[in-house]
Amino acid sequence: MVVTIPAVPLPKGSVRPTIEFTLKASWSFDTRRRIFKSERGETFSPLDDLPKGSRVAYKVPSLARADASKLDQHERALRRYMQLVLPAGEQPANHLRTVGAWPPVEEAHVTPQVSLPGAF
């Protein structure tokens, strides 16, 4: 028997919406300068494309800080996973096409909507 629980949206402002994306293998993100850098020396700044209060972050920050030459192939693959954290109230779907078109992005998708179980 399968039991489903109705979902109730979280209170506004409690969880910021995100877009998850994967960097192309030759790109990385400089968290201090807030720019993407390629191995060939290309740079890309996403700031003009984002609403005020947005933040780009690595999904695994400890791997982002690690020396890339000391990472195995699986760690290097995990290092490519990132997220765009949008301001509360923004609709991620409105920004998905923009993020997907950035030169360093291989693939992007909207994360599932977070909710709480509803009352019976």
Protein backbone atom coordinates (compact mmCIF):
# COMPACT_ATOMS: atom_id res chain seq x y z
CA MET A 1 0.00 0.00 0.00
CA VAL A 2 1.31 3.43 -0.93
CA VAL A 3 0.46 6.41 1.26
CA THR A 4 0.79 9.91 -0.14
CA ILE A 5 0.95 12.98 2.00
CA PRO A 6 -0.27 16.28 0.58
CA ALA A 7 2.43 18.94 0.46
CA VAL A 8 2.17 22.40 1.92
CA PRO A 9 4.46 25.17 0.61
CA LEU A 10 7.01 26.50 3.07
CA PRO A 11 6.50 30.00 4.49
CA LYS A 12 7.70 32.69 2.08
CA GLY A 13 11.34 33.63 2.47
CA SER A 14 12.27 30.52 4.44
CA VAL A 15 14.04 28.72 1.56
CA ARG A 16 15.70 30.53 -1.32
CA PRO A 17 15.03 29.00 -4.77
CA THR A 18 17.95 27.50 -6.68
CA ILE A 19 19.07 26.44 -10.13
CA GLU A 20 21.59 23.63 -10.22
CA PHE A 21 24.10 23.47 -13.02
CA THR A 22 27.17 21.57 -14.14
CA LEU A 23 30.29 23.33 -15.37
CA LYS A 24 32.03 22.24 -18.54
CA ALA A 25 35.16 20.24 -17.68
CA SER A 26 37.58 23.06 -18.56
CA TRP A 27 35.88 25.72 -16.39
CA SER A 28 35.97 26.67 -12.70
CA PHE A 29 34.51 29.44 -10.55
CA ASP A 30 36.62 31.94 -8.63
CA THR A 31 34.54 32.53 -5.50
CA ARG A 32 36.52 35.62 -4.46
CA ARG A 33 36.26 37.46 -7.78
CA ARG A 34 32.86 35.91 -8.60
CA ILE A 35 33.86 35.00 -12.15
CA PHE A 36 34.15 31.80 -14.12
CA LYS A 37 37.58 30.95 -15.58
CA SER A 38 38.54 28.46 -18.28
CA GLU A 39 41.80 26.57 -18.58
CA ARG A 40 42.47 28.61 -21.76
CA GLY A 41 42.27 31.88 -19.83
CA GLU A 42 38.74 32.90 -20.82
CA THR A 43 36.62 34.59 -18.14
CA PHE A 44 32.89 35.09 -17.75
CA SER A 45 31.08 37.23 -15.19
CA PRO A 46 27.46 36.25 -14.51
CA LEU A 47 26.67 39.33 -12.40
CA ASP A 48 24.85 41.27 -15.12
CA ASP A 49 22.51 38.32 -15.76
CA LEU A 50 21.43 37.82 -12.15
CA PRO A 51 18.90 39.52 -9.88
CA LYS A 52 20.39 41.48 -6.98
CA GLY A 53 21.08 39.21 -4.02
CA SER A 54 21.84 36.11 -6.12
CA ARG A 55 24.79 33.91 -5.24
CA VAL A 56 26.75 31.32 -7.23
CA ALA A 57 28.14 28.50 -5.09
CA TYR A 58 29.87 25.17 -5.42
CA LYS A 59 27.78 22.19 -4.25
CA VAL A 60 30.92 20.69 -2.65
CA PRO A 61 32.95 23.68 -1.37
CA SER A 62 35.73 21.55 0.13
CA LEU A 63 36.55 20.12 -3.31
CA ALA A 64 36.48 23.60 -4.85
CA ARG A 65 39.17 24.72 -2.38
CA ALA A 66 41.30 21.60 -2.93
CA ASP A 67 44.33 21.45 -5.23
CA ALA A 68 42.87 20.17 -8.53
CA SER A 69 46.06 18.26 -9.37
CA LYS A 70 45.56 16.10 -6.26
CA LEU A 71 41.94 15.15 -6.97
CA ASP A 72 40.95 11.85 -8.57
CA GLN A 73 38.59 11.74 -11.56
CA HIS A 74 35.49 11.32 -9.38
CA GLU A 75 36.38 14.28 -7.17
CA ARG A 76 37.06 16.41 -10.25
CA ALA A 77 33.63 15.43 -11.59
CA LEU A 78 31.93 16.40 -8.30
CA ARG A 79 33.78 19.72 -8.37
CA ARG A 80 31.83 20.69 -11.50
CA TYR A 81 28.45 20.74 -9.69
CA MET A 82 27.23 24.23 -8.78
CA GLN A 83 24.11 26.11 -7.84
CA LEU A 84 22.69 29.56 -8.33
CA VAL A 85 20.90 30.68 -5.16
CA LEU A 86 18.28 33.26 -6.06
CA PRO A 87 16.64 35.83 -3.80
CA ALA A 88 13.47 34.71 -2.03
CA GLY A 89 10.43 35.15 -4.25
CA GLU A 90 12.31 34.78 -7.56
CA GLN A 91 11.03 32.12 -9.94
CA PRO A 92 13.95 29.86 -10.98
CA ALA A 93 12.25 28.93 -14.25
CA ASN A 94 12.52 32.58 -15.32
CA HIS A 95 16.33 32.37 -15.14
CA LEU A 96 16.94 28.82 -16.36
CA ARG A 97 17.45 29.68 -20.02
CA THR A 98 19.92 32.46 -19.11
CA VAL A 99 22.01 30.19 -16.88
CA GLY A 100 21.94 27.39 -19.46
CA ALA A 101 23.34 29.78 -22.08
CA TRP A 102 26.36 30.85 -20.01
CA PRO A 103 29.61 29.78 -21.75
CA PRO A 104 30.89 27.71 -18.79
CA VAL A 105 27.63 25.77 -18.26
CA GLU A 106 27.19 22.27 -19.64
CA GLU A 107 23.71 21.61 -18.22
CA ALA A 108 21.26 23.43 -15.93
CA HIS A 109 17.96 22.56 -14.27
CA VAL A 110 15.54 23.93 -11.70
CA THR A 111 15.67 22.11 -8.37
CA PRO A 112 12.52 20.47 -7.02
CA GLN A 113 10.20 22.71 -4.99
CA VAL A 114 10.64 22.19 -1.26
CA SER A 115 7.49 21.63 0.80
CA LEU A 116 6.32 20.30 4.14
CA PRO A 117 3.87 17.43 4.65
CA GLY A 118 0.31 18.63 5.06
CA ALA A 119 -2.06 17.86 7.88
CA PHE A 120 -4.31 14.83 7.59
